[in-house]
Amino acid sequence: MRTHTQQTQKNILIATILAFFLLVAIILVLWLFDLRKTATIDILIAPRSANIDIGGKTFQNGTHKIKPGTYEVSITKDGFTPHQATITLESGETANLYTYLLPPDGSYQWYLDNSEDAMILNSIGGHEADITSQAFMNSDPVFRITPFTDPLNNFRINAKQQDNTVSLLIFLNTCSDFSTNLYRTQALRWLEEQGINTADYRIEYSNLCS
């Protein structure tokens, strides 16, 4: 009887040890697999109930770690025009997937009738505006340092872009010809100190008298 009990306890111990090592192995495999997910994708889709398929896997709104690579994206919902896209993610890169679906007639009425999804739609618009603004800021270094006002040297500098031309708008806080020349020189010197080659821009001057 004792021998049978000891054998049973031994079998239980062996089974417990094997189960423990199997669990450790599974955790290790999952951990190693997760290490390969070195890219990040931030997803914001309206309607929130849309089906989001990326590379054959289903995702939801939020931030997700994913393996680098090229993926086919399919966003669908009954009664809405589907969205298809291809995205490529590099290691260490964060990609934004912000978009929304509309009914075939292109109407926004559905969102007007669904306030929570309308809020998501507004957030998507805000994110798109931020991305556009950032791209605009990155298009020329002068946008990173303007607008700028120097109250001591009496000048103000703004920049604007029209078509493919960037212009510098320099306002000089004076009417005096002597001061105008002085403040203009100081404004140009400041721009050059910021690494801006003023010869690359069209410069428009104005002062208190213009």
C-alpha atoms as a PDB file:
ATOM      1  CA  MET A   1       0.000   0.000   0.000  1.00  0.00           C
ATOM      2  CA  ARG A   2       2.820   2.341   0.957  1.00  0.00           C
ATOM      3  CA  THR A   3       4.665   1.564  -2.247  1.00  0.00           C
ATOM      4  CA  HIS A   4       1.584   2.368  -4.345  1.00  0.00           C
ATOM      5  CA  THR A   5       1.073   5.673  -2.490  1.00  0.00           C
ATOM      6  CA  GLN A   6       4.723   6.620  -2.931  1.00  0.00           C
ATOM      7  CA  GLN A   7       4.530   5.843  -6.651  1.00  0.00           C
ATOM      8  CA  THR A   8       1.398   7.976  -6.992  1.00  0.00           C
ATOM      9  CA  GLN A   9       3.069  10.900  -5.208  1.00  0.00           C
ATOM     10  CA  LYS A  10       6.127  10.466  -7.420  1.00  0.00           C
ATOM     11  CA  ASN A  11       3.964  10.549 -10.555  1.00  0.00           C
ATOM     12  CA  ILE A  12       2.201  13.678  -9.333  1.00  0.00           C
ATOM     13  CA  LEU A  13       5.549  15.340  -8.620  1.00  0.00           C
ATOM     14  CA  ILE A  14       6.878  14.437 -12.060  1.00  0.00           C
ATOM     15  CA  ALA A  15       3.688  15.693 -13.720  1.00  0.00           C
ATOM     16  CA  THR A  16       3.909  18.938 -11.748  1.00  0.00           C
ATOM     17  CA  ILE A  17       7.541  19.461 -12.750  1.00  0.00           C
ATOM     18  CA  LEU A  18       6.779  18.714 -16.406  1.00  0.00           C
ATOM     19  CA  ALA A  19       3.805  21.105 -16.331  1.00  0.00           C
ATOM     20  CA  PHE A  20       6.011  23.789 -14.777  1.00  0.00           C
ATOM     21  CA  PHE A  21       8.717  23.441 -17.415  1.00  0.00           C
ATOM     22  CA  LEU A  22       6.093  23.375 -20.177  1.00  0.00           C
ATOM     23  CA  LEU A  23       4.617  26.601 -18.833  1.00  0.00           C
ATOM     24  CA  VAL A  24       8.073  28.189 -18.662  1.00  0.00           C
ATOM     25  CA  ALA A  25       8.772  27.094 -22.244  1.00  0.00           C
ATOM     26  CA  ILE A  26       5.494  28.597 -23.481  1.00  0.00           C
ATOM     27  CA  ILE A  27       6.198  31.889 -21.678  1.00  0.00           C
ATOM     28  CA  LEU A  28       9.734  31.959 -23.111  1.00  0.00           C
ATOM     29  CA  VAL A  29       8.482  31.355 -26.676  1.00  0.00           C
ATOM     30  CA  LEU A  30       5.863  34.102 -26.309  1.00  0.00           C
ATOM     31  CA  TRP A  31       8.488  36.443 -24.865  1.00  0.00           C
ATOM     32  CA  LEU A  32      10.916  35.764 -27.705  1.00  0.00           C
ATOM     33  CA  PHE A  33       8.108  36.245 -30.241  1.00  0.00           C
ATOM     34  CA  ASP A  34       7.174  39.544 -28.616  1.00  0.00           C
ATOM     35  CA  LEU A  35      10.791  40.730 -28.865  1.00  0.00           C
ATOM     36  CA  ARG A  36      10.415  40.638 -32.636  1.00  0.00           C
ATOM     37  CA  LYS A  37       7.640  43.213 -32.419  1.00  0.00           C
ATOM     38  CA  THR A  38       9.885  46.243 -32.668  1.00  0.00           C
ATOM     39  CA  ALA A  39       7.527  48.459 -34.671  1.00  0.00           C
ATOM     40  CA  THR A  40       4.479  50.310 -33.345  1.00  0.00           C
ATOM     41  CA  ILE A  41       1.181  51.140 -34.997  1.00  0.00           C
ATOM     42  CA  ASP A  42      -1.281  53.633 -33.555  1.00  0.00           C
ATOM     43  CA  ILE A  43      -4.820  52.942 -34.772  1.00  0.00           C
ATOM     44  CA  LEU A  44      -7.804  55.268 -34.695  1.00  0.00           C
ATOM     45  CA  ILE A  45     -10.701  54.200 -36.903  1.00  0.00           C
ATOM     46  CA  ALA A  46     -14.319  55.340 -37.118  1.00  0.00           C
ATOM     47  CA  PRO A  47     -16.764  53.743 -36.731  1.00  0.00           C
ATOM     48  CA  ARG A  48     -15.157  52.097 -33.705  1.00  0.00           C
ATOM     49  CA  SER A  49     -17.049  48.859 -34.509  1.00  0.00           C
ATOM     50  CA  ALA A  50     -15.353  48.543 -37.919  1.00  0.00           C
ATOM     51  CA  ASN A  51     -13.391  45.379 -38.646  1.00  0.00           C
ATOM     52  CA  ILE A  52      -9.678  46.234 -38.801  1.00  0.00           C
ATOM     53  CA  ASP A  53      -7.567  43.579 -40.498  1.00  0.00           C
ATOM     54  CA  ILE A  54      -3.807  44.053 -40.735  1.00  0.00           C
ATOM     55  CA  GLY A  55      -1.871  41.246 -42.340  1.00  0.00           C
ATOM     56  CA  GLY A  56      -4.657  38.769 -41.626  1.00  0.00           C
ATOM     57  CA  LYS A  57      -4.951  39.658 -37.937  1.00  0.00           C
ATOM     58  CA  THR A  58      -7.723  41.629 -36.272  1.00  0.00           C
ATOM     59  CA  PHE A  59      -6.908  44.821 -34.391  1.00  0.00           C
ATOM     60  CA  GLN A  60      -8.832  47.430 -32.438  1.00  0.00           C
ATOM     61  CA  ASN A  61      -8.312  51.118 -31.863  1.00  0.00           C
ATOM     62  CA  GLY A  62      -5.251  51.739 -29.736  1.00  0.00           C
ATOM     63  CA  THR A  63      -1.469  51.371 -29.816  1.00  0.00           C
ATOM     64  CA  HIS A  64      -0.030  47.994 -30.784  1.00  0.00           C
ATOM     65  CA  LYS A  65       3.445  46.476 -31.093  1.00  0.00           C
ATOM     66  CA  ILE A  66       3.963  44.658 -34.374  1.00  0.00           C
ATOM     67  CA  LYS A  67       6.773  43.011 -36.322  1.00  0.00           C
ATOM     68  CA  PRO A  68       8.450  45.191 -38.975  1.00  0.00           C
ATOM     69  CA  GLY A  69       7.296  44.492 -42.499  1.00  0.00           C
ATOM     70  CA  THR A  70       4.766  45.345 -45.186  1.00  0.00           C
ATOM     71  CA  TYR A  71       1.112  44.702 -44.413  1.00  0.00           C
ATOM     72  CA  GLU A  72      -2.144  44.789 -46.303  1.00  0.00           C
ATOM     73  CA  VAL A  73      -4.789  46.737 -44.389  1.00  0.00           C
ATOM     74  CA  SER A  74      -8.511  46.165 -44.780  1.00  0.00           C
ATOM     75  CA  ILE A  75     -11.114  48.151 -42.842  1.00  0.00           C
ATOM     76  CA  THR A  76     -14.727  47.145 -43.346  1.00  0.00           C
ATOM     77  CA  LYS A  77     -18.190  47.561 -41.875  1.00  0.00           C
ATOM     78  CA  ASP A  78     -21.572  46.598 -43.272  1.00  0.00           C
ATOM     79  CA  GLY A  79     -23.212  49.564 -44.933  1.00  0.00           C
ATOM     80  CA  PHE A  80     -19.938  51.474 -45.405  1.00  0.00           C
ATOM     81  CA  THR A  81     -17.448  51.788 -48.233  1.00  0.00           C
ATOM     82  CA  PRO A  82     -14.383  49.683 -47.266  1.00  0.00           C
ATOM     83  CA  HIS A  83     -10.896  51.113 -46.972  1.00  0.00           C
ATOM     84  CA  GLN A  84      -7.863  49.248 -48.342  1.00  0.00           C
ATOM     85  CA  ALA A  85      -4.237  50.263 -47.914  1.00  0.00           C
ATOM     86  CA  THR A  86      -0.673  48.963 -47.712  1.00  0.00           C
ATOM     87  CA  ILE A  87       1.641  50.028 -44.903  1.00  0.00           C
ATOM     88  CA  THR A  88       5.326  49.366 -44.341  1.00  0.00           C
ATOM     89  CA  LEU A  89       6.770  49.456 -40.832  1.00  0.00           C
ATOM     90  CA  GLU A  90      10.451  49.699 -40.004  1.00  0.00           C
ATOM     91  CA  SER A  91      12.043  48.599 -36.757  1.00  0.00           C
ATOM     92  CA  GLY A  92      11.660  51.301 -34.117  1.00  0.00           C
ATOM     93  CA  GLU A  93       9.152  53.199 -36.240  1.00  0.00           C
ATOM     94  CA  THR A  94       5.673  54.318 -35.159  1.00  0.00           C
ATOM     95  CA  ALA A  95       3.036  54.468 -37.889  1.00  0.00           C
ATOM     96  CA  ASN A  96      -0.360  56.117 -37.598  1.00  0.00           C
ATOM     97  CA  LEU A  97      -3.437  54.482 -39.072  1.00  0.00           C
ATOM     98  CA  TYR A  98      -6.112  57.172 -38.773  1.00  0.00           C
ATOM     99  CA  THR A  99      -9.086  56.985 -41.091  1.00  0.00           C
ATOM    100  CA  TYR A 100     -12.853  56.705 -41.208  1.00  0.00           C
ATOM    101  CA  LEU A 101     -15.465  54.962 -43.300  1.00  0.00           C
ATOM    102  CA  LEU A 102     -18.443  56.573 -44.989  1.00  0.00           C
ATOM    103  CA  PRO A 103     -21.639  55.120 -46.454  1.00  0.00           C
ATOM    104  CA  PRO A 104     -21.632  54.741 -50.268  1.00  0.00           C
ATOM    105  CA  ASP A 105     -23.435  58.090 -50.665  1.00  0.00           C
ATOM    106  CA  GLY A 106     -20.614  59.890 -48.827  1.00  0.00           C
ATOM    107  CA  SER A 107     -22.989  61.295 -46.225  1.00  0.00           C
ATOM    108  CA  TYR A 108     -21.896  62.102 -42.671  1.00  0.00           C
ATOM    109  CA  GLN A 109     -25.442  61.713 -41.352  1.00  0.00           C
ATOM    110  CA  TRP A 110     -24.621  58.383 -39.707  1.00  0.00           C
ATOM    111  CA  TYR A 111     -22.041  60.122 -37.514  1.00  0.00           C
ATOM    112  CA  LEU A 112     -24.511  62.847 -36.610  1.00  0.00           C
ATOM    113  CA  ASP A 113     -26.770  60.091 -35.308  1.00  0.00           C
ATOM    114  CA  ASN A 114     -23.952  58.332 -33.382  1.00  0.00           C
ATOM    115  CA  SER A 115     -22.306  60.812 -31.069  1.00  0.00           C
ATOM    116  CA  GLU A 116     -19.488  58.579 -29.753  1.00  0.00           C
ATOM    117  CA  ASP A 117     -18.316  57.767 -33.265  1.00  0.00           C
ATOM    118  CA  ALA A 118     -18.671  61.438 -34.183  1.00  0.00           C
ATOM    119  CA  MET A 119     -16.176  62.241 -31.403  1.00  0.00           C
ATOM    120  CA  ILE A 120     -13.747  59.701 -32.868  1.00  0.00           C
ATOM    121  CA  LEU A 121     -14.255  61.266 -36.298  1.00  0.00           C
ATOM    122  CA  ASN A 122     -13.380  64.682 -34.866  1.00  0.00           C
ATOM    123  CA  SER A 123     -10.280  63.227 -33.202  1.00  0.00           C
ATOM    124  CA  ILE A 124      -9.165  61.723 -36.510  1.00  0.00           C
ATOM    125  CA  GLY A 125      -9.559  65.143 -38.134  1.00  0.00           C
ATOM    126  CA  GLY A 126      -7.468  66.671 -35.370  1.00  0.00           C
ATOM    127  CA  HIS A 127      -4.728  64.057 -35.776  1.00  0.00           C
ATOM    128  CA  GLU A 128      -4.672  64.568 -39.543  1.00  0.00           C
ATOM    129  CA  ALA A 129      -4.363  68.321 -39.028  1.00  0.00           C
ATOM    130  CA  ASP A 130      -1.475  67.776 -36.593  1.00  0.00           C
ATOM    131  CA  ILE A 131       0.318  65.493 -39.063  1.00  0.00           C
ATOM    132  CA  THR A 132      -0.176  67.992 -41.882  1.00  0.00           C
ATOM    133  CA  SER A 133       1.038  70.813 -39.667  1.00  0.00           C
ATOM    134  CA  GLN A 134       4.107  68.834 -38.615  1.00  0.00           C
ATOM    135  CA  ALA A 135       4.933  67.989 -42.214  1.00  0.00           C
ATOM    136  CA  PHE A 136       4.575  71.674 -43.069  1.00  0.00           C
ATOM    137  CA  MET A 137       6.851  72.636 -40.174  1.00  0.00           C
ATOM    138  CA  ASN A 138       9.426  70.082 -41.289  1.00  0.00           C
ATOM    139  CA  SER A 139       9.313  71.246 -44.897  1.00  0.00           C
ATOM    140  CA  ASP A 140      11.597  74.213 -44.154  1.00  0.00           C
ATOM    141  CA  PRO A 141      13.726  74.996 -41.080  1.00  0.00           C
ATOM    142  CA  VAL A 142      12.508  78.591 -40.963  1.00  0.00           C
ATOM    143  CA  PHE A 143       9.093  77.423 -39.744  1.00  0.00           C
ATOM    144  CA  ARG A 144      10.724  75.994 -36.623  1.00  0.00           C
ATOM    145  CA  ILE A 145      12.007  79.382 -35.484  1.00  0.00           C
ATOM    146  CA  THR A 146       9.207  81.698 -36.574  1.00  0.00           C
ATOM    147  CA  PRO A 147       7.232  83.653 -35.697  1.00  0.00           C
ATOM    148  CA  PHE A 148       9.895  85.496 -33.707  1.00  0.00           C
ATOM    149  CA  THR A 149       9.836  88.926 -32.084  1.00  0.00           C
ATOM    150  CA  ASP A 150      12.867  90.790 -30.766  1.00  0.00           C
ATOM    151  CA  PRO A 151      11.552  93.738 -28.719  1.00  0.00           C
ATOM    152  CA  LEU A 152      15.039  95.027 -27.977  1.00  0.00           C
ATOM    153  CA  ASN A 153      16.094  95.243 -31.612  1.00  0.00           C
ATOM    154  CA  ASN A 154      12.632  96.248 -32.800  1.00  0.00           C
ATOM    155  CA  PHE A 155      11.905  93.588 -35.405  1.00  0.00           C
ATOM    156  CA  ARG A 156       9.437  90.774 -35.920  1.00  0.00           C
ATOM    157  CA  ILE A 157       9.832  87.880 -38.355  1.00  0.00           C
ATOM    158  CA  ASN A 158       7.127  85.646 -39.794  1.00  0.00           C
ATOM    159  CA  ALA A 159       7.271  83.063 -42.572  1.00  0.00           C
ATOM    160  CA  LYS A 160       4.660  81.988 -45.068  1.00  0.00           C
ATOM    161  CA  GLN A 161       4.495  79.424 -47.824  1.00  0.00           C
ATOM    162  CA  GLN A 162       2.638  79.933 -51.077  1.00  0.00           C
ATOM    163  CA  ASP A 163       2.836  77.211 -53.681  1.00  0.00           C
ATOM    164  CA  ASN A 164       6.488  76.117 -53.466  1.00  0.00           C
ATOM    165  CA  THR A 165       7.868  79.477 -52.371  1.00  0.00           C
ATOM    166  CA  VAL A 166       8.680  80.397 -48.770  1.00  0.00           C
ATOM    167  CA  SER A 167       8.723  84.088 -47.940  1.00  0.00           C
ATOM    168  CA  LEU A 168      10.060  85.885 -44.890  1.00  0.00           C
ATOM    169  CA  LEU A 169       7.985  88.795 -43.594  1.00  0.00           C
ATOM    170  CA  ILE A 170      10.147  91.164 -41.582  1.00  0.00           C
ATOM    171  CA  PHE A 171       8.457  94.003 -39.734  1.00  0.00           C
ATOM    172  CA  LEU A 172      10.679  96.812 -38.472  1.00  0.00           C
ATOM    173  CA  ASN A 173       9.303  98.844 -35.597  1.00  0.00           C
ATOM    174  CA  THR A 174      10.379 102.259 -36.844  1.00  0.00           C
ATOM    175  CA  CYS A 175       9.802 104.938 -39.459  1.00  0.00           C
ATOM    176  CA  SER A 176      13.327 106.296 -39.501  1.00  0.00           C
ATOM    177  CA  ASP A 177      15.458 105.409 -42.549  1.00  0.00           C
ATOM    178  CA  PHE A 178      18.526 105.020 -40.354  1.00  0.00           C
ATOM    179  CA  SER A 179      16.739 102.760 -37.873  1.00  0.00           C
ATOM    180  CA  THR A 180      15.134 100.786 -40.695  1.00  0.00           C
ATOM    181  CA  ASN A 181      18.552  99.880 -42.114  1.00  0.00           C
ATOM    182  CA  LEU A 182      19.873  99.070 -38.627  1.00  0.00           C
ATOM    183  CA  TYR A 183      16.958  96.860 -37.634  1.00  0.00           C
ATOM    184  CA  ARG A 184      16.981  95.152 -41.025  1.00  0.00           C
ATOM    185  CA  THR A 185      20.647  94.245 -40.561  1.00  0.00           C
ATOM    186  CA  GLN A 186      19.933  92.940 -37.073  1.00  0.00           C
ATOM    187  CA  ALA A 187      17.017  90.827 -38.303  1.00  0.00           C
ATOM    188  CA  LEU A 188      19.080  89.277 -41.096  1.00  0.00           C
ATOM    189  CA  ARG A 189      21.972  88.634 -38.704  1.00  0.00           C
ATOM    190  CA  TRP A 190      19.612  86.844 -36.306  1.00  0.00           C
ATOM    191  CA  LEU A 191      18.312  84.623 -39.089  1.00  0.00           C
ATOM    192  CA  GLU A 192      21.839  83.720 -40.148  1.00  0.00           C
ATOM    193  CA  GLU A 193      22.719  82.890 -36.526  1.00  0.00           C
ATOM    194  CA  GLN A 194      19.859  80.377 -36.590  1.00  0.00           C
ATOM    195  CA  GLY A 195      21.389  78.701 -39.629  1.00  0.00           C
ATOM    196  CA  ILE A 196      19.029  80.276 -42.165  1.00  0.00           C
ATOM    197  CA  ASN A 197      20.490  81.216 -45.536  1.00  0.00           C
ATOM    198  CA  THR A 198      18.477  84.343 -46.313  1.00  0.00           C
ATOM    199  CA  ALA A 199      19.487  84.169 -49.981  1.00  0.00           C
ATOM    200  CA  ASP A 200      17.145  81.175 -50.320  1.00  0.00           C
ATOM    201  CA  TYR A 201      14.058  83.218 -49.470  1.00  0.00           C
ATOM    202  CA  ARG A 202      12.001  86.036 -50.804  1.00  0.00           C
ATOM    203  CA  ILE A 203      12.031  88.755 -48.131  1.00  0.00           C
ATOM    204  CA  GLU A 204       9.267  91.289 -47.688  1.00  0.00           C
ATOM    205  CA  TYR A 205       9.958  94.263 -45.414  1.00  0.00           C
ATOM    206  CA  SER A 206       7.479  96.570 -43.747  1.00  0.00           C
ATOM    207  CA  ASN A 207       7.661  99.193 -41.018  1.00  0.00           C
ATOM    208  CA  LEU A 208       5.464 101.538 -39.020  1.00  0.00           C
ATOM    209  CA  CYS A 209       5.115 103.860 -41.978  1.00  0.00           C
ATOM    210  CA  SER A 210       4.280 101.303 -44.653  1.00  0.00           C
END
